[in-house]
């Protein structure tokens, strides 16, 4: 597998795409308010044993909630129940594991983790775990012996898949680095008053480099010179043995690399596969249900062979869609029923192999009594659907409508790439519903005019649908 990283930076937004074997698999948006991974000194506000949770004040707009299973208990409180070690007004160290969303506050945990490129430090554990993707028994044993020799007794370690590529010296150097970081976090926790931030995780781009920049990355492309320097410095600092091509390209990179259409497809309910079959994604509060349908595919052989081919294709596509859409929680998959156990095992083998590429933690539970494949996937960030749409006020949240901000960002990206036009003025026609958004975004349109060296004139057209727009110069239509 080859992996490319495409990073597109504008004053109003930053995006990073992960492309594997020529196909878009994940896309990330920078969020200035993102707090996943941050460690806080919080204050206990409410203990609700009946709901198995505790509300924690961490200084944000909404109190965070801590589930009973995420409470870190000291040795003397173990066995006395999850809430025995807590009382109202008490200070507590917690880490954000899931962003605040809608009416819910951030979800936090007392089981602190400090990730690096090779290792994850577990300050309140004493175990050594090795990624299941490290399948070489000899290497697993070598890594375990290394950690047993150099790891302090009061700290736990998870050894990531990237340990396959790192030397023992590089792994130990990172161990020393994250141990020093933990000592600094403990010092800040004792010094600061609650509620306060005691550790801020890496920024948007640094986290992606930490998690995705490995031997499978052949190319990193960005349209931002400062990010180019940061990526180059990161690669030089890590002294990777493999060759990664880092380049700067001007313009709208997502458009140039044909990624925009794949992002837009990710908000559709129906996903067509090459054979003519299709997948249907239905997301609810409790779970996501995925249905596999034959669609236009009738096959060339018997019914059993047709079903097997469709399920194999679905088993390869569904994990990619889970990553692209950032779907998490409980997931039920309705494959077309197969009577041959050997075929069912082969479909599951394909499905598991594709899930191995996912950085998020996944777990296959098994088949339900009704024949659904049940699994879970950890979700810590907003998905494509959350970014491009919002609850519809007309139907009280039963459906979704396009997000005005997402449409505005798309139009600005299109305008940013029109510096080649030899005209003093560019005209952009949009639906009047976008007028408020455009009026409030005067600073970015001023930036675009300076960047293009042209005047941008906005016209409001009632005949255009809210997601449609026209950009043209000299009365020649360029975009609809």
Protein backbone atom coordinates (compact mmCIF):
# COMPACT_ATOMS: atom_id res chain seq x y z
CA UNK A 1 0.00 0.00 0.00
CA UNK A 2 1.20 3.51 -0.83
CA UNK A 3 -0.07 6.55 1.04
CA UNK A 4 -0.09 10.21 0.02
CA UNK A 5 -0.89 13.15 2.30
CA UNK A 6 -2.49 16.22 0.68
CA UNK A 7 -2.64 19.32 2.91
CA UNK A 8 -4.54 22.41 1.82
CA UNK A 9 -4.27 25.60 3.89
CA UNK A 10 -6.34 28.79 3.63
CA UNK A 11 -6.89 31.64 6.12
CA UNK A 12 -10.44 30.40 6.75
CA UNK A 13 -9.81 26.62 6.90
CA UNK A 14 -7.19 23.88 6.70
CA UNK A 15 -7.79 20.36 5.41
CA UNK A 16 -5.71 17.23 5.11
CA UNK A 17 -6.56 14.24 2.92
CA UNK A 18 -5.14 10.74 3.31
CA UNK A 19 -5.01 8.97 -0.06
CA UNK A 20 -4.19 5.24 -0.09
CA UNK A 21 -3.55 3.39 -3.34
CA UNK A 22 -5.01 6.32 -5.25
CA UNK A 23 -8.29 6.46 -3.27
CA UNK A 24 -9.38 9.00 -0.67
CA UNK A 25 -9.70 7.21 2.68
CA UNK A 26 -9.75 9.97 5.31
CA UNK A 27 -10.15 13.73 5.44
CA UNK A 28 -9.52 16.03 8.39
CA UNK A 29 -10.60 19.62 9.05
CA UNK A 30 -8.66 21.84 11.44
CA UNK A 31 -10.81 22.92 14.36
CA UNK A 32 -9.47 25.80 16.45
CA UNK A 33 -11.63 24.67 19.39
CA UNK A 34 -10.57 21.04 19.21
CA UNK A 35 -9.59 19.61 22.58
CA UNK A 36 -9.21 15.84 22.10
CA UNK A 37 -6.00 14.73 23.80
CA UNK A 38 -5.80 17.78 26.06
CA UNK A 39 -5.28 17.13 29.77
CA UNK A 40 -7.10 19.30 32.33
CA UNK A 41 -7.14 19.86 36.04
CA UNK A 42 -10.88 19.68 36.49
CA UNK A 43 -13.28 20.07 39.39
CA UNK A 44 -16.04 17.58 40.17
CA UNK A 45 -19.43 19.31 39.84
CA UNK A 46 -22.03 16.55 40.06
CA UNK A 47 -21.84 12.82 40.82
CA UNK A 48 -24.74 10.87 39.33
CA UNK A 49 -24.46 7.16 40.22
CA UNK A 50 -27.89 6.54 38.71
CA UNK A 51 -26.52 7.56 35.31
CA UNK A 52 -23.04 6.06 35.97
CA UNK A 53 -21.33 9.36 35.25
CA UNK A 54 -19.72 12.42 36.80
CA UNK A 55 -19.86 15.97 35.43
CA UNK A 56 -16.51 17.78 35.51
CA UNK A 57 -15.85 21.52 35.16
CA UNK A 58 -12.80 21.89 32.89
CA UNK A 59 -13.27 25.56 32.07
CA UNK A 60 -15.21 25.09 28.80
CA UNK A 61 -18.74 26.27 28.00
CA UNK A 62 -20.24 22.90 28.95
CA UNK A 63 -19.22 20.57 31.75
CA UNK A 64 -17.46 17.44 30.55
CA UNK A 65 -18.86 14.05 31.49
CA UNK A 66 -16.85 11.16 32.89
CA UNK A 67 -18.33 7.66 32.69
CA UNK A 68 -17.89 5.32 35.64
CA UNK A 69 -15.72 3.00 33.57
CA UNK A 70 -13.29 5.84 32.84
CA UNK A 71 -12.69 6.81 36.46
CA UNK A 72 -9.12 6.20 37.58
CA UNK A 73 -9.17 4.58 41.03
CA UNK A 74 -6.26 4.36 43.44
CA UNK A 75 -5.33 1.01 44.96
CA UNK A 76 -7.09 1.76 48.25
CA UNK A 77 -10.41 2.52 46.49
CA UNK A 78 -10.42 -0.43 44.10
CA UNK A 79 -13.32 -2.76 44.78
CA UNK A 80 -15.34 -0.05 46.57
CA UNK A 81 -17.15 1.15 43.45
CA UNK A 82 -16.27 3.68 40.79
CA UNK A 83 -17.55 6.71 42.71
CA UNK A 84 -15.98 5.95 46.11
CA UNK A 85 -12.86 8.01 45.37
CA UNK A 86 -14.76 11.15 44.25
CA UNK A 87 -16.67 13.92 45.99
CA UNK A 88 -18.14 17.24 44.86
CA UNK A 89 -15.58 20.03 44.58
CA UNK A 90 -12.64 17.62 44.33
CA UNK A 91 -9.85 18.28 41.83
CA UNK A 92 -9.22 15.57 39.27
CA UNK A 93 -6.86 15.02 36.32
CA UNK A 94 -8.74 14.06 33.19
CA UNK A 95 -8.11 13.90 29.43
CA UNK A 96 -10.57 14.69 26.63
CA UNK A 97 -11.32 11.57 24.55
CA UNK A 98 -14.27 12.87 22.51
CA UNK A 99 -15.22 16.38 21.39
CA UNK A 100 -18.28 18.20 22.69
CA UNK A 101 -21.09 17.84 20.17
CA UNK A 102 -24.59 19.26 19.88
CA UNK A 103 -25.99 19.45 23.43
CA UNK A 104 -23.38 17.13 24.92
CA UNK A 105 -20.20 18.26 26.64
CA UNK A 106 -16.83 16.71 25.95
CA UNK A 107 -16.34 13.12 27.08
CA UNK A 108 -13.29 12.72 29.32
CA UNK A 109 -11.35 9.89 30.94
CA UNK A 110 -9.14 9.48 33.97
CA UNK A 111 -7.05 6.90 32.13
CA UNK A 112 -4.44 9.31 30.79
CA UNK A 113 -2.50 8.44 27.62
CA UNK A 114 0.44 10.35 26.15
CA UNK A 115 1.06 9.22 22.55
CA UNK A 116 4.27 9.41 20.58
CA UNK A 117 5.22 8.09 17.17
CA UNK A 118 6.45 4.73 18.51
CA UNK A 119 4.98 4.54 22.01
CA UNK A 120 1.95 5.49 24.07
CA UNK A 121 2.66 6.19 27.74
CA UNK A 122 0.06 5.00 30.29
CA UNK A 123 0.91 6.83 33.54
CA UNK A 124 -1.62 4.91 35.68
CA UNK A 125 -0.76 1.43 34.46
CA UNK A 126 2.15 -0.99 34.67
CA UNK A 127 1.42 -3.13 31.63
CA UNK A 128 3.27 -3.53 28.34
CA UNK A 129 1.05 -3.95 25.27
CA UNK A 130 2.16 -4.40 21.67
CA UNK A 131 0.06 -3.53 18.63
CA UNK A 132 -1.69 -6.56 17.20
CA UNK A 133 -0.45 -5.44 13.80
CA UNK A 134 3.06 -6.44 14.87
CA UNK A 135 2.71 -10.10 13.88
CA UNK A 136 6.38 -11.18 13.90
CA UNK A 137 6.76 -13.20 17.13
CA UNK A 138 10.51 -12.59 17.28
CA UNK A 139 10.08 -8.80 16.98
CA UNK A 140 7.27 -8.82 19.56
CA UNK A 141 9.50 -10.62 22.05
CA UNK A 142 12.40 -8.27 21.30
CA UNK A 143 10.19 -5.22 21.94
CA UNK A 144 8.81 -6.69 25.16
CA UNK A 145 12.32 -7.42 26.48
CA UNK A 146 13.41 -3.87 25.57
CA UNK A 147 10.56 -2.27 27.52
CA UNK A 148 10.92 -4.59 30.51
CA UNK A 149 14.54 -3.50 30.75
CA UNK A 150 14.10 0.28 30.44
CA UNK A 151 10.52 1.07 31.48
CA UNK A 152 9.97 2.29 35.06
CA UNK A 153 7.82 -0.04 37.19
CA UNK A 154 5.10 2.55 37.75
CA UNK A 155 4.38 3.31 34.09
CA UNK A 156 2.60 1.36 31.35
CA UNK A 157 3.49 1.34 27.66
CA UNK A 158 1.70 0.57 24.40
CA UNK A 159 4.11 -0.15 21.55
CA UNK A 160 2.63 1.08 18.27
CA UNK A 161 2.89 -0.51 14.83
CA UNK A 162 5.58 2.02 13.88
CA UNK A 163 7.98 0.16 16.23
CA UNK A 164 8.47 -2.22 13.30
CA UNK A 165 10.35 0.55 11.50
CA UNK A 166 12.12 2.23 14.41
CA UNK A 167 15.47 1.21 15.88
CA UNK A 168 15.82 0.42 19.58
CA UNK A 169 17.70 3.71 20.06
CA UNK A 170 14.87 5.73 18.49
CA UNK A 171 12.25 3.95 20.61
CA UNK A 172 14.20 4.51 23.84
CA UNK A 173 14.81 8.16 22.94
CA UNK A 174 11.07 8.67 22.59
CA UNK A 175 10.46 6.81 25.87
CA UNK A 176 12.73 9.27 27.69
CA UNK A 177 11.02 12.19 25.95
CA UNK A 178 7.44 11.26 26.90
CA UNK A 179 8.51 10.39 30.46
CA UNK A 180 9.89 13.92 30.83
CA UNK A 181 6.63 15.27 29.39
CA UNK A 182 4.66 13.33 32.01
CA UNK A 183 6.80 14.80 34.80
CA UNK A 184 6.07 18.28 33.43
CA UNK A 185 2.31 17.53 33.33
CA UNK A 186 2.37 16.40 36.98
CA UNK A 187 4.20 19.60 37.96
CA UNK A 188 1.65 21.79 36.17
CA UNK A 189 -1.22 19.87 37.75
CA UNK A 190 0.10 20.61 41.23
CA UNK A 191 0.86 24.26 40.39
CA UNK A 192 -2.31 25.32 38.52
CA UNK A 193 -5.74 26.02 39.97
CA UNK A 194 -8.80 24.11 38.78
CA UNK A 195 -10.27 24.32 36.22
CA UNK A 196 -7.28 24.75 33.94
CA UNK A 197 -5.49 23.24 30.95
CA UNK A 198 -2.28 21.49 32.02
CA UNK A 199 -1.31 19.89 28.71
CA UNK A 200 -2.31 20.85 25.16
CA UNK A 201 -1.92 18.08 22.62
CA UNK A 202 -0.09 18.63 19.32
CA UNK A 203 -1.72 20.89 16.77
CA UNK A 204 -3.81 19.60 13.91
CA UNK A 205 -0.97 18.99 11.45
CA UNK A 206 1.52 17.60 13.96
CA UNK A 207 -0.96 14.93 15.12
CA UNK A 208 -1.52 13.81 11.54
CA UNK A 209 2.24 13.63 10.91
CA UNK A 210 2.69 11.66 14.14
CA UNK A 211 -0.03 9.15 13.26
CA UNK A 212 0.25 8.84 9.49
CA UNK A 213 3.79 9.64 8.41
CA UNK A 214 5.45 6.22 8.12
CA UNK A 215 7.18 4.04 5.53
CA UNK A 216 3.98 3.72 3.49
CA UNK A 217 3.86 7.50 2.82
CA UNK A 218 5.44 8.18 -0.55
CA UNK A 219 4.39 11.81 -1.00
CA UNK A 220 3.32 14.85 1.03
CA UNK A 221 1.94 17.82 -0.93
CA UNK A 222 0.92 21.19 0.52
CA UNK A 223 0.07 24.67 -0.74
CA UNK A 224 1.47 26.36 2.38
CA UNK A 225 5.19 27.17 2.68
CA UNK A 226 5.19 27.23 6.49
CA UNK A 227 3.62 23.78 6.62
CA UNK A 228 6.15 22.59 4.03
CA UNK A 229 8.96 23.66 6.37
CA UNK A 230 7.25 21.96 9.32
CA UNK A 231 6.87 18.65 7.45
CA UNK A 232 10.46 18.76 6.23
CA UNK A 233 11.73 19.48 9.74
CA UNK A 234 9.60 16.64 11.15
CA UNK A 235 11.05 14.16 8.65
CA UNK A 236 14.62 15.35 9.27
CA UNK A 237 14.13 15.22 13.03
CA UNK A 238 12.80 11.65 12.94
CA UNK A 239 15.55 10.62 10.49
CA UNK A 240 13.28 8.21 8.62
CA UNK A 241 15.08 5.52 6.67
CA UNK A 242 12.55 5.66 3.82
CA UNK A 243 12.28 8.34 1.15
CA UNK A 244 9.25 10.63 1.31
CA UNK A 245 8.77 13.21 -1.42
CA UNK A 246 7.70 16.54 0.10
CA UNK A 247 6.58 19.20 -2.37
CA UNK A 248 4.90 22.60 -2.58
CA UNK A 249 2.16 23.22 -5.15
CA UNK A 250 0.07 26.34 -5.53
CA UNK A 251 -3.67 26.33 -5.93
CA UNK A 252 -6.65 24.30 -4.77
CA UNK A 253 -5.00 20.93 -4.18
CA UNK A 254 -8.18 19.00 -3.38
CA UNK A 255 -9.57 20.09 -6.74
CA UNK A 256 -6.32 19.34 -8.57
CA UNK A 257 -6.12 15.84 -7.11
CA UNK A 258 -9.81 15.16 -7.80
CA UNK A 259 -10.74 14.79 -4.12
CA UNK A 260 -13.67 17.21 -3.85
CA UNK A 261 -16.15 14.91 -5.56
CA UNK A 262 -15.22 12.02 -3.26
CA UNK A 263 -15.77 14.20 -0.20
CA UNK A 264 -19.20 15.22 -1.47
CA UNK A 265 -20.09 11.59 -2.15
CA UNK A 266 -19.31 10.80 1.49
CA UNK A 267 -22.42 12.69 2.64
CA UNK A 268 -24.72 10.64 0.44
CA UNK A 269 -26.82 7.90 1.93
CA UNK A 270 -26.18 5.56 -0.97
CA UNK A 271 -22.71 4.45 -2.15
CA UNK A 272 -22.42 2.72 -5.52
CA UNK A 273 -19.81 0.01 -6.00
CA UNK A 274 -18.03 -0.88 -9.25
CA UNK A 275 -20.06 -4.04 -9.81
CA UNK A 276 -23.36 -2.14 -9.79
CA UNK A 277 -24.28 -3.08 -6.24
CA UNK A 278 -24.58 -0.39 -3.58
CA UNK A 279 -24.35 0.30 0.15
CA UNK A 280 -26.87 2.28 2.21
CA UNK A 281 -25.69 4.14 5.33
CA UNK A 282 -28.24 5.14 7.98
CA UNK A 283 -26.84 6.95 11.03
CA UNK A 284 -28.95 7.22 14.18
CA UNK A 285 -28.27 8.34 17.75
CA UNK A 286 -27.76 4.75 18.90
CA UNK A 287 -25.94 3.14 15.99
CA UNK A 288 -25.13 3.13 12.28
CA UNK A 289 -26.77 0.52 10.06
CA UNK A 290 -25.19 -0.44 6.71
CA UNK A 291 -27.15 -2.43 4.16
CA UNK A 292 -25.59 -4.28 1.22
CA UNK A 293 -27.77 -4.39 -1.91
CA UNK A 294 -27.33 -6.08 -5.30
CA UNK A 295 -28.62 -3.03 -7.22
CA UNK A 296 -27.83 -3.34 -10.93
CA UNK A 297 -25.51 -6.32 -10.47
CA UNK A 298 -27.01 -9.65 -11.53
CA UNK A 299 -23.83 -11.68 -11.95
CA UNK A 300 -22.82 -14.11 -14.67
CA UNK A 301 -23.02 -17.37 -12.73
CA UNK A 302 -25.28 -18.84 -10.08
CA UNK A 303 -26.92 -16.91 -7.26
CA UNK A 304 -24.37 -18.06 -4.67
CA UNK A 305 -21.43 -16.75 -6.73
CA UNK A 306 -23.22 -13.43 -7.31
CA UNK A 307 -23.88 -12.92 -3.60
CA UNK A 308 -20.29 -13.88 -2.73
CA UNK A 309 -18.82 -11.38 -5.21
CA UNK A 310 -21.05 -8.57 -3.93
CA UNK A 311 -20.22 -9.27 -0.30
CA UNK A 312 -16.49 -9.39 -1.05
CA UNK A 313 -16.68 -6.00 -2.72
CA UNK A 314 -18.73 -4.60 0.17
CA UNK A 315 -16.28 -6.03 2.73
CA UNK A 316 -13.46 -4.08 1.06
CA UNK A 317 -15.45 -0.83 0.66
CA UNK A 318 -17.19 -0.56 4.04
CA UNK A 319 -13.99 -0.07 6.14
CA UNK A 320 -12.91 2.70 3.77
CA UNK A 321 -16.28 4.41 4.12
CA UNK A 322 -16.14 4.14 7.93
CA UNK A 323 -12.83 6.00 7.88
CA UNK A 324 -13.89 8.55 5.26
CA UNK A 325 -17.16 9.34 7.02
CA UNK A 326 -15.60 9.07 10.53
CA UNK A 327 -18.39 6.77 11.67
CA UNK A 328 -18.06 5.51 15.22
CA UNK A 329 -19.98 3.75 17.97
CA UNK A 330 -22.10 0.65 17.38
CA UNK A 331 -22.24 -0.44 13.72
CA UNK A 332 -24.51 -3.14 12.26
CA UNK A 333 -23.79 -4.46 8.75
CA UNK A 334 -26.37 -6.42 6.80
CA UNK A 335 -24.42 -8.46 4.26
CA UNK A 336 -26.45 -10.47 1.78
CA UNK A 337 -27.09 -13.88 3.32
CA UNK A 338 -24.58 -16.59 2.36
CA UNK A 339 -25.23 -20.30 2.88
CA UNK A 340 -21.66 -21.46 2.31
CA UNK A 341 -19.57 -21.11 5.54
CA UNK A 342 -16.34 -21.02 3.50
CA UNK A 343 -17.58 -17.99 1.55
CA UNK A 344 -18.65 -16.26 4.76
CA UNK A 345 -15.18 -16.81 6.24
CA UNK A 346 -13.53 -15.38 3.12
CA UNK A 347 -15.72 -12.26 3.29
CA UNK A 348 -14.80 -11.82 6.96
CA UNK A 349 -11.11 -12.23 6.12
CA UNK A 350 -11.31 -9.40 3.56
CA UNK A 351 -13.22 -7.25 6.04
CA UNK A 352 -10.69 -7.79 8.84
CA UNK A 353 -7.72 -7.11 6.53
CA UNK A 354 -9.20 -3.77 5.47
CA UNK A 355 -9.95 -2.81 9.08
CA UNK A 356 -6.28 -3.31 9.89
CA UNK A 357 -5.55 -0.10 7.95
CA UNK A 358 -7.74 1.93 10.33
CA UNK A 359 -5.94 4.01 12.96
CA UNK A 360 -9.10 4.13 15.09
CA UNK A 361 -9.71 1.21 17.44
CA UNK A 362 -12.21 -1.26 16.00
CA UNK A 363 -13.72 -4.44 17.43
CA UNK A 364 -15.77 -7.08 15.61
CA UNK A 365 -18.33 -8.55 18.02
CA UNK A 366 -19.81 -11.18 15.69
CA UNK A 367 -23.11 -12.05 14.05
CA UNK A 368 -26.40 -11.18 15.77
CA UNK A 369 -29.36 -13.55 15.89
CA UNK A 370 -30.85 -11.73 12.90
CA UNK A 371 -27.71 -12.15 10.79
CA UNK A 372 -26.20 -8.65 11.18
CA UNK A 373 -22.46 -8.27 11.63
CA UNK A 374 -22.00 -6.27 14.84
CA UNK A 375 -18.89 -4.16 15.44
CA UNK A 376 -17.73 -1.00 17.19
CA UNK A 377 -15.37 1.76 16.11
CA UNK A 378 -13.94 4.51 18.26
CA UNK A 379 -14.91 8.01 17.19
CA UNK A 380 -13.22 11.14 18.54
CA UNK A 381 -13.75 13.73 15.79
CA UNK A 382 -16.49 15.17 13.64
CA UNK A 383 -17.42 13.32 10.48
CA UNK A 384 -17.95 14.59 6.94
CA UNK A 385 -21.73 14.61 7.45
CA UNK A 386 -21.36 16.72 10.62
CA UNK A 387 -19.22 19.26 8.75
CA UNK A 388 -21.37 19.58 5.62
CA UNK A 389 -24.83 19.50 7.15
CA UNK A 390 -26.83 20.48 10.21
CA UNK A 391 -30.16 19.61 11.74
CA UNK A 392 -33.12 20.90 9.77
CA UNK A 393 -35.23 23.33 11.82
CA UNK A 394 -38.23 22.70 9.57
CA UNK A 395 -38.52 19.01 10.48
CA UNK A 396 -37.15 19.41 14.04
CA UNK A 397 -33.99 17.44 13.42
CA UNK A 398 -35.58 14.47 11.63
CA UNK A 399 -33.62 15.34 8.49
CA UNK A 400 -30.57 17.41 7.58
CA UNK A 401 -29.89 20.45 5.46
CA UNK A 402 -26.69 21.76 3.89
CA UNK A 403 -24.37 23.82 6.09
CA UNK A 404 -24.08 27.41 4.84
CA UNK A 405 -20.53 27.71 6.16
CA UNK A 406 -19.38 24.65 4.18
CA UNK A 407 -20.84 26.09 0.95
CA UNK A 408 -19.18 29.45 1.59
CA UNK A 409 -15.81 27.76 2.14
CA UNK A 410 -16.19 25.87 -1.14
CA UNK A 411 -16.92 29.07 -3.06
CA UNK A 412 -13.90 30.82 -1.54
CA UNK A 413 -11.68 27.88 -2.53
CA UNK A 414 -12.95 28.12 -6.10
CA UNK A 415 -12.27 31.86 -6.20
CA UNK A 416 -8.76 31.38 -4.79
CA UNK A 417 -7.78 29.30 -7.81
CA UNK A 418 -8.81 31.87 -10.45
CA UNK A 419 -5.65 33.99 -10.46
CA UNK A 420 -4.96 32.90 -14.05
CA UNK A 421 -7.96 34.88 -15.40
CA UNK A 422 -7.02 38.03 -17.28
CA UNK A 423 -9.91 40.14 -16.09
CA UNK A 424 -10.16 42.88 -13.44
CA UNK A 425 -13.44 41.54 -12.01
CA UNK A 426 -14.91 38.15 -11.11
CA UNK A 427 -18.64 37.79 -10.63
CA UNK A 428 -20.09 35.23 -8.23
CA UNK A 429 -23.82 34.47 -8.23
CA UNK A 430 -25.24 32.74 -5.15
CA UNK A 431 -28.55 32.04 -3.45
CA UNK A 432 -29.72 34.94 -1.20
CA UNK A 433 -29.60 32.59 1.82
CA UNK A 434 -25.81 32.98 1.69
CA UNK A 435 -25.94 36.78 1.97
CA UNK A 436 -25.48 36.90 5.75
CA UNK A 437 -22.53 34.53 5.61
CA UNK A 438 -20.86 36.55 2.84
CA UNK A 439 -21.46 39.86 4.63
CA UNK A 440 -19.86 38.56 7.84
CA UNK A 441 -16.87 37.21 5.91
CA UNK A 442 -15.62 40.53 4.54
CA UNK A 443 -12.05 39.96 5.81
CA UNK A 444 -11.55 36.74 3.80
CA UNK A 445 -13.03 38.22 0.64
CA UNK A 446 -10.67 41.16 1.04
CA UNK A 447 -7.82 38.63 1.29
CA UNK A 448 -9.05 36.94 -1.90
CA UNK A 449 -9.19 40.22 -3.81
CA UNK A 450 -5.61 41.03 -2.73
CA UNK A 451 -4.47 37.50 -3.56
CA UNK A 452 -6.09 37.53 -7.02
CA UNK A 453 -5.48 41.17 -7.81
CA UNK A 454 -9.11 41.37 -8.93
CA UNK A 455 -12.40 42.72 -7.67
CA UNK A 456 -14.97 40.14 -6.57
CA UNK A 457 -18.59 41.11 -7.14
CA UNK A 458 -21.33 39.10 -5.38
CA UNK A 459 -24.77 38.82 -6.99
CA UNK A 460 -27.77 37.18 -5.33
CA UNK A 461 -29.96 35.03 -7.54
CA UNK A 462 -33.26 33.62 -6.21
CA UNK A 463 -33.38 31.05 -9.02
CA UNK A 464 -30.24 29.28 -7.79
CA UNK A 465 -30.59 26.45 -5.31
CA UNK A 466 -28.78 27.01 -2.03
CA UNK A 467 -25.89 24.65 -2.93
CA UNK A 468 -25.55 25.97 -6.51
CA UNK A 469 -23.54 28.97 -7.60
CA UNK A 470 -22.04 30.58 -10.71
CA UNK A 471 -18.59 32.12 -11.04
CA UNK A 472 -17.76 33.93 -14.25
CA UNK A 473 -15.85 36.75 -15.86
CA UNK A 474 -16.81 38.76 -18.95
CA UNK A 475 -20.21 37.03 -18.90
CA UNK A 476 -18.64 33.61 -19.57
CA UNK A 477 -19.94 31.02 -17.14
CA UNK A 478 -17.22 29.00 -15.47
CA UNK A 479 -18.93 27.10 -12.68
CA UNK A 480 -22.43 26.01 -11.77
